[in-house]
PDB file of all heavy atoms in Angstrom:
ATOM      1  N   GLY A   1     120.488  71.458  99.646  1.00  0.00           N
ATOM      2  CA  GLY A   1     121.387  72.203 100.527  1.00  0.00           C
ATOM      3  C   GLY A   1     120.913  72.216 101.962  1.00  0.00           C
ATOM      4  O   GLY A   1     121.705  72.060 102.904  1.00  0.00           O
ATOM      5  N   VAL A   2     119.606  72.390 102.153  1.00  0.00           N
ATOM      6  CA  VAL A   2     119.044  72.394 103.509  1.00  0.00           C
ATOM      7  C   VAL A   2     119.253  71.032 104.175  1.00  0.00           C
ATOM      8  O   VAL A   2     119.622  70.943 105.354  1.00  0.00           O
ATOM      9  CB  VAL A   2     117.551  72.756 103.469  1.00  0.00           C
ATOM     10  CG1 VAL A   2     116.906  72.555 104.843  1.00  0.00           C
ATOM     11  CG2 VAL A   2     117.360  74.197 103.013  1.00  0.00           C
ATOM     12  N   SER A   3     119.045  69.961 103.429  1.00  0.00           N
ATOM     13  CA  SER A   3     119.188  68.620 104.009  1.00  0.00           C
ATOM     14  C   SER A   3     120.635  68.323 104.381  1.00  0.00           C
ATOM     15  O   SER A   3     120.891  67.589 105.342  1.00  0.00           O
ATOM     16  CB  SER A   3     118.659  67.564 103.035  1.00  0.00           C
ATOM     17  OG  SER A   3     119.482  67.469 101.882  1.00  0.00           O
ATOM     18  N   VAL A   4     121.595  68.867 103.630  1.00  0.00           N
ATOM     19  CA  VAL A   4     123.008  68.672 103.980  1.00  0.00           C
ATOM     20  C   VAL A   4     123.312  69.368 105.306  1.00  0.00           C
ATOM     21  O   VAL A   4     123.978  68.806 106.186  1.00  0.00           O
ATOM     22  CB  VAL A   4     123.929  69.193 102.862  1.00  0.00           C
ATOM     23  CG1 VAL A   4     125.384  69.232 103.327  1.00  0.00           C
ATOM     24  CG2 VAL A   4     123.803  68.333 101.614  1.00  0.00           C
ATOM     25  N   LEU A   5     122.843  70.591 105.477  1.00  0.00           N
ATOM     26  CA  LEU A   5     123.091  71.334 106.714  1.00  0.00           C
ATOM     27  C   LEU A   5     122.419  70.667 107.914  1.00  0.00           C
ATOM     28  O   LEU A   5     122.986  70.626 109.006  1.00  0.00           O
ATOM     29  CB  LEU A   5     122.604  72.766 106.572  1.00  0.00           C
ATOM     30  CG  LEU A   5     123.413  73.656 105.615  1.00  0.00           C
ATOM     31  CD1 LEU A   5     122.757  75.014 105.466  1.00  0.00           C
ATOM     32  CD2 LEU A   5     124.844  73.821 106.113  1.00  0.00           C
ATOM     33  N   THR A   6     121.227  70.147 107.713  1.00  0.00           N
ATOM     34  CA  THR A   6     120.506  69.524 108.827  1.00  0.00           C
ATOM     35  C   THR A   6     120.930  68.084 109.079  1.00  0.00           C
ATOM     36  O   THR A   6     120.470  67.473 110.043  1.00  0.00           O
ATOM     37  CB  THR A   6     118.987  69.560 108.563  1.00  0.00           C
ATOM     38  OG1 THR A   6     118.706  68.917 107.307  1.00  0.00           O
ATOM     39  CG2 THR A   6     118.471  70.976 108.534  1.00  0.00           C
ATOM     40  N   SER A   7     121.790  67.527 108.217  1.00  0.00           N
ATOM     41  CA  SER A   7     122.267  66.157 108.436  1.00  0.00           C
ATOM     42  C   SER A   7     123.253  66.075 109.590  1.00  0.00           C
ATOM     43  O   SER A   7     123.604  64.980 110.028  1.00  0.00           O
ATOM     44  CB  SER A   7     122.933  65.626 107.160  1.00  0.00           C
ATOM     45  OG  SER A   7     124.157  66.301 106.909  1.00  0.00           O
ATOM     46  N   MET A   8     123.740  67.223 110.060  1.00  0.00           N
ATOM     47  CA  MET A   8     124.707  67.307 111.152  1.00  0.00           C
ATOM     48  C   MET A   8     126.076  66.748 110.764  1.00  0.00           C
ATOM     49  O   MET A   8     126.886  66.408 111.631  1.00  0.00           O
ATOM     50  CB  MET A   8     124.204  66.594 112.418  1.00  0.00           C
ATOM     51  CG  MET A   8     122.865  67.092 112.906  1.00  0.00           C
ATOM     52  SD  MET A   8     122.894  68.870 113.206  1.00  0.00           S
ATOM     53  CE  MET A   8     121.154  69.264 113.120  1.00  0.00           C
ATOM     54  N   SER A   9     126.337  66.648 109.484  1.00  0.00           N
ATOM     55  CA  SER A   9     127.650  66.209 109.022  1.00  0.00           C
ATOM     56  C   SER A   9     128.520  67.435 108.758  1.00  0.00           C
ATOM     57  O   SER A   9     128.286  68.180 107.800  1.00  0.00           O
ATOM     58  CB  SER A   9     127.509  65.375 107.738  1.00  0.00           C
ATOM     59  OG  SER A   9     128.770  65.107 107.180  1.00  0.00           O
ATOM     60  N   ARG A  10     129.507  67.626 109.592  1.00  0.00           N
ATOM     61  CA  ARG A  10     130.384  68.783 109.416  1.00  0.00           C
ATOM     62  C   ARG A  10     131.213  68.652 108.133  1.00  0.00           C
ATOM     63  O   ARG A  10     131.453  69.642 107.438  1.00  0.00           O
ATOM     64  CB  ARG A  10     131.290  68.936 110.635  1.00  0.00           C
ATOM     65  CG  ARG A  10     130.543  69.339 111.898  1.00  0.00           C
ATOM     66  CD  ARG A  10     131.386  69.216 113.141  1.00  0.00           C
ATOM     67  NE  ARG A  10     131.727  67.834 113.426  1.00  0.00           N
ATOM     68  CZ  ARG A  10     132.209  67.406 114.599  1.00  0.00           C
ATOM     69  NH1 ARG A  10     132.359  68.271 115.591  1.00  0.00           N
ATOM     70  NH2 ARG A  10     132.511  66.144 114.797  1.00  0.00           N
ATOM     71  N   ASN A  11     131.634  67.430 107.819  1.00  0.00           N
ATOM     72  CA  ASN A  11     132.374  67.224 106.576  1.00  0.00           C
ATOM     73  C   ASN A  11     131.518  67.571 105.364  1.00  0.00           C
ATOM     74  O   ASN A  11     131.999  68.147 104.383  1.00  0.00           O
ATOM     75  CB  ASN A  11     132.851  65.775 106.479  1.00  0.00           C
ATOM     76  CG  ASN A  11     133.931  65.452 107.484  1.00  0.00           C
ATOM     77  OD1 ASN A  11     134.639  66.340 107.937  1.00  0.00           O
ATOM     78  ND2 ASN A  11     134.064  64.190 107.833  1.00  0.00           N
ATOM     79  N   GLY A  12     130.249  67.190 105.431  1.00  0.00           N
ATOM     80  CA  GLY A  12     129.345  67.499 104.324  1.00  0.00           C
ATOM     81  C   GLY A  12     129.149  68.991 104.146  1.00  0.00           C
ATOM     82  O   GLY A  12     129.120  69.496 103.015  1.00  0.00           O
ATOM     83  N   VAL A  13     129.014  69.712 105.264  1.00  0.00           N
ATOM     84  CA  VAL A  13     128.827  71.167 105.194  1.00  0.00           C
ATOM     85  C   VAL A  13     130.084  71.840 104.656  1.00  0.00           C
ATOM     86  O   VAL A  13     130.015  72.743 103.811  1.00  0.00           O
ATOM     87  CB  VAL A  13     128.466  71.727 106.583  1.00  0.00           C
ATOM     88  CG1 VAL A  13     128.425  73.247 106.556  1.00  0.00           C
ATOM     89  CG2 VAL A  13     127.116  71.170 107.036  1.00  0.00           C
ATOM     90  N   ILE A  14     131.254  71.399 105.135  1.00  0.00           N
ATOM     91  CA  ILE A  14     132.501  71.976 104.640  1.00  0.00           C
ATOM     92  C   ILE A  14     132.655  71.726 103.144  1.00  0.00           C
ATOM     93  O   ILE A  14     133.062  72.626 102.392  1.00  0.00           O
ATOM     94  CB  ILE A  14     133.694  71.397 105.427  1.00  0.00           C
ATOM     95  CG1 ILE A  14     133.648  71.877 106.883  1.00  0.00           C
ATOM     96  CG2 ILE A  14     135.019  71.802 104.787  1.00  0.00           C
ATOM     97  CD1 ILE A  14     134.682  71.228 107.770  1.00  0.00           C
ATOM     98  N   SER A  15     132.338  70.520 102.705  1.00  0.00           N
ATOM     99  CA  SER A  15     132.411  70.199 101.274  1.00  0.00           C
ATOM    100  C   SER A  15     131.482  71.094 100.467  1.00  0.00           C
ATOM    101  O   SER A  15     131.844  71.583  99.386  1.00  0.00           O
ATOM    102  CB  SER A  15     132.049  68.731 101.042  1.00  0.00           C
ATOM    103  OG  SER A  15     132.938  67.873 101.715  1.00  0.00           O
ATOM    104  N   LEU A  16     130.277  71.323 100.992  1.00  0.00           N
ATOM    105  CA  LEU A  16     129.310  72.174 100.301  1.00  0.00           C
ATOM    106  C   LEU A  16     129.813  73.605 100.186  1.00  0.00           C
ATOM    107  O   LEU A  16     129.714  74.234  99.121  1.00  0.00           O
ATOM    108  CB  LEU A  16     127.973  72.134 101.043  1.00  0.00           C
ATOM    109  CG  LEU A  16     126.851  73.017 100.495  1.00  0.00           C
ATOM    110  CD1 LEU A  16     126.500  72.627  99.062  1.00  0.00           C
ATOM    111  CD2 LEU A  16     125.612  72.929 101.386  1.00  0.00           C
ATOM    112  N   LEU A  17     130.375  74.125 101.270  1.00  0.00           N
ATOM    113  CA  LEU A  17     130.872  75.505 101.264  1.00  0.00           C
ATOM    114  C   LEU A  17     132.067  75.665 100.331  1.00  0.00           C
ATOM    115  O   LEU A  17     132.157  76.638  99.573  1.00  0.00           O
ATOM    116  CB  LEU A  17     131.243  75.934 102.682  1.00  0.00           C
ATOM    117  CG  LEU A  17     130.086  76.015 103.686  1.00  0.00           C
ATOM    118  CD1 LEU A  17     130.618  76.381 105.072  1.00  0.00           C
ATOM    119  CD2 LEU A  17     129.042  77.019 103.224  1.00  0.00           C
ATOM    120  N   VAL A  18     132.984  74.706 100.360  1.00  0.00           N
ATOM    121  CA  VAL A  18     134.161  74.780  99.492  1.00  0.00           C
ATOM    122  C   VAL A  18     133.751  74.695  98.022  1.00  0.00           C
ATOM    123  O   VAL A  18     134.228  75.467  97.181  1.00  0.00           O
ATOM    124  CB  VAL A  18     135.159  73.658  99.840  1.00  0.00           C
ATOM    125  CG1 VAL A  18     136.283  73.591  98.807  1.00  0.00           C
ATOM    126  CG2 VAL A  18     135.741  73.877 101.228  1.00  0.00           C
ATOM    127  N   ALA A  19     132.846  73.765  97.704  1.00  0.00           N
ATOM    128  CA  ALA A  19     132.387  73.630  96.322  1.00  0.00           C
ATOM    129  C   ALA A  19     131.675  74.894  95.854  1.00  0.00           C
ATOM    130  O   ALA A  19     131.859  75.334  94.708  1.00  0.00           O
ATOM    131  CB  ALA A  19     131.453  72.425  96.203  1.00  0.00           C
ATOM    132  N   SER A  20     130.879  75.498  96.734  1.00  0.00           N
ATOM    133  CA  SER A  20     130.180  76.736  96.371  1.00  0.00           C
ATOM    134  C   SER A  20     131.173  77.854  96.082  1.00  0.00           C
ATOM    135  O   SER A  20     130.999  78.617  95.126  1.00  0.00           O
ATOM    136  CB  SER A  20     129.236  77.151  97.504  1.00  0.00           C
ATOM    137  OG  SER A  20     128.275  76.146  97.761  1.00  0.00           O
ATOM    138  N   ALA A  21     132.222  77.936  96.899  1.00  0.00           N
ATOM    139  CA  ALA A  21     133.229  78.978  96.688  1.00  0.00           C
ATOM    140  C   ALA A  21     133.971  78.774  95.372  1.00  0.00           C
ATOM    141  O   ALA A  21     134.229  79.725  94.631  1.00  0.00           O
ATOM    142  CB  ALA A  21     134.217  78.994  97.855  1.00  0.00           C
ATOM    143  N   VAL A  22     134.301  77.529  95.060  1.00  0.00           N
ATOM    144  CA  VAL A  22     135.030  77.239  93.822  1.00  0.00           C
ATOM    145  C   VAL A  22     134.178  77.549  92.604  1.00  0.00           C
ATOM    146  O   VAL A  22     134.622  78.203  91.646  1.00  0.00           O
ATOM    147  CB  VAL A  22     135.485  75.767  93.807  1.00  0.00           C
ATOM    148  CG1 VAL A  22     136.049  75.393  92.440  1.00  0.00           C
ATOM    149  CG2 VAL A  22     136.530  75.525  94.884  1.00  0.00           C
ATOM    150  N   VAL A  23     132.912  77.100  92.631  1.00  0.00           N
ATOM    151  CA  VAL A  23     132.020  77.353  91.493  1.00  0.00           C
ATOM    152  C   VAL A  23     131.760  78.846  91.341  1.00  0.00           C
ATOM    153  O   VAL A  23     131.779  79.380  90.219  1.00  0.00           O
ATOM    154  CB  VAL A  23     130.693  76.578  91.678  1.00  0.00           C
ATOM    155  CG1 VAL A  23     129.683  76.983  90.610  1.00  0.00           C
ATOM    156  CG2 VAL A  23     130.940  75.083  91.607  1.00  0.00           C
ATOM    157  N   GLY A  24     131.512  79.522  92.448  1.00  0.00           N
ATOM    158  CA  GLY A  24     131.268  80.962  92.377  1.00  0.00           C
ATOM    159  C   GLY A  24     132.459  81.727  91.827  1.00  0.00           C
ATOM    160  O   GLY A  24     132.302  82.633  90.989  1.00  0.00           O
ATOM    161  N   THR A  25     133.664  81.364  92.264  1.00  0.00           N
ATOM    162  CA  THR A  25     134.869  82.019  91.760  1.00  0.00           C
ATOM    163  C   THR A  25     135.067  81.760  90.273  1.00  0.00           C
ATOM    164  O   THR A  25     135.409  82.670  89.502  1.00  0.00           O
ATOM    165  CB  THR A  25     136.094  81.536  92.540  1.00  0.00           C
ATOM    166  OG1 THR A  25     135.912  81.808  93.935  1.00  0.00           O
ATOM    167  CG2 THR A  25     137.360  82.232  92.056  1.00  0.00           C
ATOM    168  N   ALA A  26     134.835  80.519  89.861  1.00  0.00           N
ATOM    169  CA  ALA A  26     135.002  80.172  88.450  1.00  0.00           C
ATOM    170  C   ALA A  26     134.022  80.937  87.571  1.00  0.00           C
ATOM    171  O   ALA A  26     134.374  81.429  86.490  1.00  0.00           O
ATOM    172  CB  ALA A  26     134.831  78.672  88.260  1.00  0.00           C
ATOM    173  N   LEU A  27     132.773  81.043  88.025  1.00  0.00           N
ATOM    174  CA  LEU A  27     131.768  81.782  87.246  1.00  0.00           C
ATOM    175  C   LEU A  27     132.104  83.269  87.180  1.00  0.00           C
ATOM    176  O   LEU A  27     131.924  83.912  86.143  1.00  0.00           O
ATOM    177  CB  LEU A  27     130.385  81.573  87.854  1.00  0.00           C
ATOM    178  CG  LEU A  27     129.782  80.173  87.714  1.00  0.00           C
ATOM    179  CD1 LEU A  27     128.462  80.093  88.463  1.00  0.00           C
ATOM    180  CD2 LEU A  27     129.575  79.821  86.246  1.00  0.00           C
ATOM    181  N   ALA A  28     132.587  83.799  88.287  1.00  0.00           N
ATOM    182  CA  ALA A  28     132.923  85.226  88.310  1.00  0.00           C
ATOM    183  C   ALA A  28     134.069  85.531  87.344  1.00  0.00           C
ATOM    184  O   ALA A  28     134.063  86.562  86.664  1.00  0.00           O
ATOM    185  CB  ALA A  28     133.282  85.651  89.725  1.00  0.00           C
ATOM    186  N   ARG A  29     135.049  84.634  87.294  1.00  0.00           N
ATOM    187  CA  ARG A  29     136.184  84.863  86.404  1.00  0.00           C
ATOM    188  C   ARG A  29     135.816  84.625  84.946  1.00  0.00           C
ATOM    189  O   ARG A  29     136.318  85.296  84.054  1.00  0.00           O
ATOM    190  CB  ARG A  29     137.342  83.945  86.795  1.00  0.00           C
ATOM    191  CG  ARG A  29     137.915  84.236  88.177  1.00  0.00           C
ATOM    192  CD  ARG A  29     139.217  83.505  88.390  1.00  0.00           C
ATOM    193  NE  ARG A  29     140.231  83.952  87.426  1.00  0.00           N
ATOM    194  CZ  ARG A  29     141.469  83.480  87.387  1.00  0.00           C
ATOM    195  NH1 ARG A  29     141.843  82.552  88.248  1.00  0.00           N
ATOM    196  NH2 ARG A  29     142.322  83.934  86.493  1.00  0.00           N
ATOM    197  N   HIS A  30     134.923  83.665  84.712  1.00  0.00           N
ATOM    198  CA  HIS A  30     134.538  83.353  83.336  1.00  0.00           C
ATOM    199  C   HIS A  30     133.639  84.427  82.768  1.00  0.00           C
ATOM    200  O   HIS A  30     133.816  84.886  81.637  1.00  0.00           O
ATOM    201  CB  HIS A  30     133.860  81.979  83.288  1.00  0.00           C
ATOM    202  CG  HIS A  30     133.834  81.364  81.936  1.00  0.00           C
ATOM    203  ND1 HIS A  30     132.744  81.431  81.109  1.00  0.00           N
ATOM    204  CD2 HIS A  30     134.788  80.684  81.255  1.00  0.00           C
ATOM    205  CE1 HIS A  30     133.011  80.799  79.973  1.00  0.00           C
ATOM    206  NE2 HIS A  30     134.245  80.340  80.037  1.00  0.00           N
ATOM    207  N   GLY A  31     132.629  84.788  83.542  1.00  0.00           N
ATOM    208  CA  GLY A  31     131.782  85.928  83.186  1.00  0.00           C
ATOM    209  C   GLY A  31     130.872  85.743  82.003  1.00  0.00           C
ATOM    210  O   GLY A  31     130.363  86.717  81.456  1.00  0.00           O
ATOM    211  N   THR A  32     130.608  84.505  81.571  1.00  0.00           N
ATOM    212  CA  THR A  32     129.783  84.307  80.386  1.00  0.00           C
ATOM    213  C   THR A  32     128.291  84.396  80.673  1.00  0.00           C
ATOM    214  O   THR A  32     127.497  84.611  79.761  1.00  0.00           O
ATOM    215  CB  THR A  32     130.078  82.934  79.769  1.00  0.00           C
ATOM    216  OG1 THR A  32     129.865  81.913  80.751  1.00  0.00           O
ATOM    217  CG2 THR A  32     131.506  82.854  79.273  1.00  0.00           C
ATOM    218  N   LEU A  33     127.898  84.222  81.942  1.00  0.00           N
ATOM    219  CA  LEU A  33     126.472  84.243  82.258  1.00  0.00           C
ATOM    220  C   LEU A  33     125.932  85.649  82.454  1.00  0.00           C
ATOM    221  O   LEU A  33     124.728  85.840  82.537  1.00  0.00           O
ATOM    222  CB  LEU A  33     126.208  83.411  83.519  1.00  0.00           C
ATOM    223  CG  LEU A  33     126.458  81.913  83.378  1.00  0.00           C
ATOM    224  CD1 LEU A  33     126.181  81.224  84.702  1.00  0.00           C
ATOM    225  CD2 LEU A  33     125.611  81.306  82.278  1.00  0.00           C
ATOM    226  N   GLN A  34     126.844  86.642  82.542  1.00  0.00           N
ATOM    227  CA  GLN A  34     126.439  88.030  82.702  1.00  0.00           C
ATOM    228  C   GLN A  34     125.515  88.170  83.911  1.00  0.00           C
ATOM    229  O   GLN A  34     125.817  87.698  84.995  1.00  0.00           O
ATOM    230  CB  GLN A  34     125.777  88.522  81.406  1.00  0.00           C
ATOM    231  CG  GLN A  34     126.724  88.474  80.206  1.00  0.00           C
ATOM    232  CD  GLN A  34     126.047  88.866  78.929  1.00  0.00           C
ATOM    233  OE1 GLN A  34     124.867  89.202  78.903  1.00  0.00           O
ATOM    234  NE2 GLN A  34     126.790  88.819  77.832  1.00  0.00           N
ATOM    235  N   TRP A  35     124.364  88.812  83.725  1.00  0.00           N
ATOM    236  CA  TRP A  35     123.474  89.066  84.853  1.00  0.00           C
ATOM    237  C   TRP A  35     122.889  87.789  85.438  1.00  0.00           C
ATOM    238  O   TRP A  35     122.522  87.729  86.609  1.00  0.00           O
ATOM    239  CB  TRP A  35     122.331  89.980  84.419  1.00  0.00           C
ATOM    240  CG  TRP A  35     121.438  89.373  83.368  1.00  0.00           C
ATOM    241  CD1 TRP A  35     121.538  89.523  82.032  1.00  0.00           C
ATOM    242  CD2 TRP A  35     120.312  88.521  83.588  1.00  0.00           C
ATOM    243  NE1 TRP A  35     120.568  88.811  81.383  1.00  0.00           N
ATOM    244  CE2 TRP A  35     119.783  88.191  82.330  1.00  0.00           C
ATOM    245  CE3 TRP A  35     119.691  87.994  84.726  1.00  0.00           C
ATOM    246  CZ2 TRP A  35     118.685  87.357  82.156  1.00  0.00           C
ATOM    247  CZ3 TRP A  35     118.591  87.180  84.566  1.00  0.00           C
ATOM    248  CH2 TRP A  35     118.105  86.872  83.292  1.00  0.00           C
ATOM    249  N   LYS A  36     122.832  86.728  84.637  1.00  0.00           N
ATOM    250  CA  LYS A  36     122.220  85.499  85.131  1.00  0.00           C
ATOM    251  C   LYS A  36     123.052  84.840  86.225  1.00  0.00           C
ATOM    252  O   LYS A  36     122.558  84.013  86.977  1.00  0.00           O
ATOM    253  CB  LYS A  36     121.983  84.533  83.971  1.00  0.00           C
ATOM    254  CG  LYS A  36     121.004  85.058  82.925  1.00  0.00           C
ATOM    255  CD  LYS A  36     120.801  84.033  81.837  1.00  0.00           C
ATOM    256  CE  LYS A  36     119.821  84.568  80.791  1.00  0.00           C
ATOM    257  NZ  LYS A  36     120.369  85.710  80.062  1.00  0.00           N
ATOM    258  N   GLY A  37     124.325  85.178  86.284  1.00  0.00           N
ATOM    259  CA  GLY A  37     125.138  84.642  87.359  1.00  0.00           C
ATOM    260  C   GLY A  37     124.642  85.064  88.725  1.00  0.00           C
ATOM    261  O   GLY A  37     124.808  84.337  89.706  1.00  0.00           O
ATOM    262  N   TRP A  38     124.020  86.241  88.779  1.00  0.00           N
ATOM    263  CA  TRP A  38     123.465  86.698  90.061  1.00  0.00           C
ATOM    264  C   TRP A  38     122.281  85.844  90.506  1.00  0.00           C
ATOM    265  O   TRP A  38     121.914  85.845  91.686  1.00  0.00           O
ATOM    266  CB  TRP A  38     123.024  88.155  89.952  1.00  0.00           C
ATOM    267  CG  TRP A  38     124.186  89.087  89.804  1.00  0.00           C
ATOM    268  CD1 TRP A  38     124.648  89.664  88.657  1.00  0.00           C
ATOM    269  CD2 TRP A  38     125.045  89.545  90.851  1.00  0.00           C
ATOM    270  NE1 TRP A  38     125.742  90.453  88.913  1.00  0.00           N
ATOM    271  CE2 TRP A  38     126.012  90.403  90.261  1.00  0.00           C
ATOM    272  CE3 TRP A  38     125.097  89.323  92.235  1.00  0.00           C
ATOM    273  CZ2 TRP A  38     127.004  91.024  91.002  1.00  0.00           C
ATOM    274  CZ3 TRP A  38     126.093  89.937  92.963  1.00  0.00           C
ATOM    275  CH2 TRP A  38     127.026  90.782  92.349  1.00  0.00           C
ATOM    276  N   LEU A  39     121.700  85.108  89.566  1.00  0.00           N
ATOM    277  CA  LEU A  39     120.597  84.223  89.932  1.00  0.00           C
ATOM    278  C   LEU A  39     121.059  83.167  90.936  1.00  0.00           C
ATOM    279  O   LEU A  39     120.286  82.740  91.799  1.00  0.00           O
ATOM    280  CB  LEU A  39     120.045  83.544  88.671  1.00  0.00           C
ATOM    281  CG  LEU A  39     118.944  82.485  88.856  1.00  0.00           C
ATOM    282  CD1 LEU A  39     117.731  83.098  89.519  1.00  0.00           C
ATOM    283  CD2 LEU A  39     118.569  81.876  87.522  1.00  0.00           C
ATOM    284  N   LEU A  40     122.328  82.765  90.835  1.00  0.00           N
ATOM    285  CA  LEU A  40     122.845  81.752  91.736  1.00  0.00           C
ATOM    286  C   LEU A  40     122.920  82.252  93.174  1.00  0.00           C
ATOM    287  O   LEU A  40     123.027  81.452  94.111  1.00  0.00           O
ATOM    288  CB  LEU A  40     124.232  81.302  91.266  1.00  0.00           C
ATOM    289  CG  LEU A  40     124.270  80.655  89.874  1.00  0.00           C
ATOM    290  CD1 LEU A  40     125.686  80.267  89.517  1.00  0.00           C
ATOM    291  CD2 LEU A  40     123.362  79.437  89.819  1.00  0.00           C
ATOM    292  N   ALA A  41     122.884  83.565  93.371  1.00  0.00           N
ATOM    293  CA  ALA A  41     122.887  84.103  94.737  1.00  0.00           C
ATOM    294  C   ALA A  41     121.606  83.731  95.477  1.00  0.00           C
ATOM    295  O   ALA A  41     121.561  83.772  96.710  1.00  0.00           O
ATOM    296  CB  ALA A  41     123.057  85.612  94.709  1.00  0.00           C
ATOM    297  N   ILE A  42     120.565  83.388  94.736  1.00  0.00           N
ATOM    298  CA  ILE A  42     119.316  82.969  95.367  1.00  0.00           C
ATOM    299  C   ILE A  42     119.512  81.654  96.116  1.00  0.00           C
ATOM    300  O   ILE A  42     118.857  81.396  97.130  1.00  0.00           O
ATOM    301  CB  ILE A  42     118.204  82.821  94.302  1.00  0.00           C
ATOM    302  CG1 ILE A  42     117.922  84.180  93.659  1.00  0.00           C
ATOM    303  CG2 ILE A  42     116.933  82.243  94.894  1.00  0.00           C
ATOM    304  CD1 ILE A  42     116.893  84.114  92.556  1.00  0.00           C
ATOM    305  N   LEU A  43     120.438  80.813  95.645  1.00  0.00           N
ATOM    306  CA  LEU A  43     120.610  79.490  96.228  1.00  0.00           C
ATOM    307  C   LEU A  43     121.046  79.536  97.688  1.00  0.00           C
ATOM    308  O   LEU A  43     120.369  78.950  98.548  1.00  0.00           O
ATOM    309  CB  LEU A  43     121.599  78.679  95.383  1.00  0.00           C
ATOM    310  CG  LEU A  43     121.181  78.445  93.922  1.00  0.00           C
ATOM    311  CD1 LEU A  43     122.246  77.621  93.199  1.00  0.00           C
ATOM    312  CD2 LEU A  43     119.841  77.742  93.868  1.00  0.00           C
TER     313      LEU A  43
END
């Protein structure tokens, strides 16, 4: 993630942010990981 941000590619950063939002939303709605889903907030 750090290397994507420092690559200076705006398209890459936007792709990373959109993918993170989609995965986070899907996990929140699915809810199978319970407390472990909060582990992803470390990323």
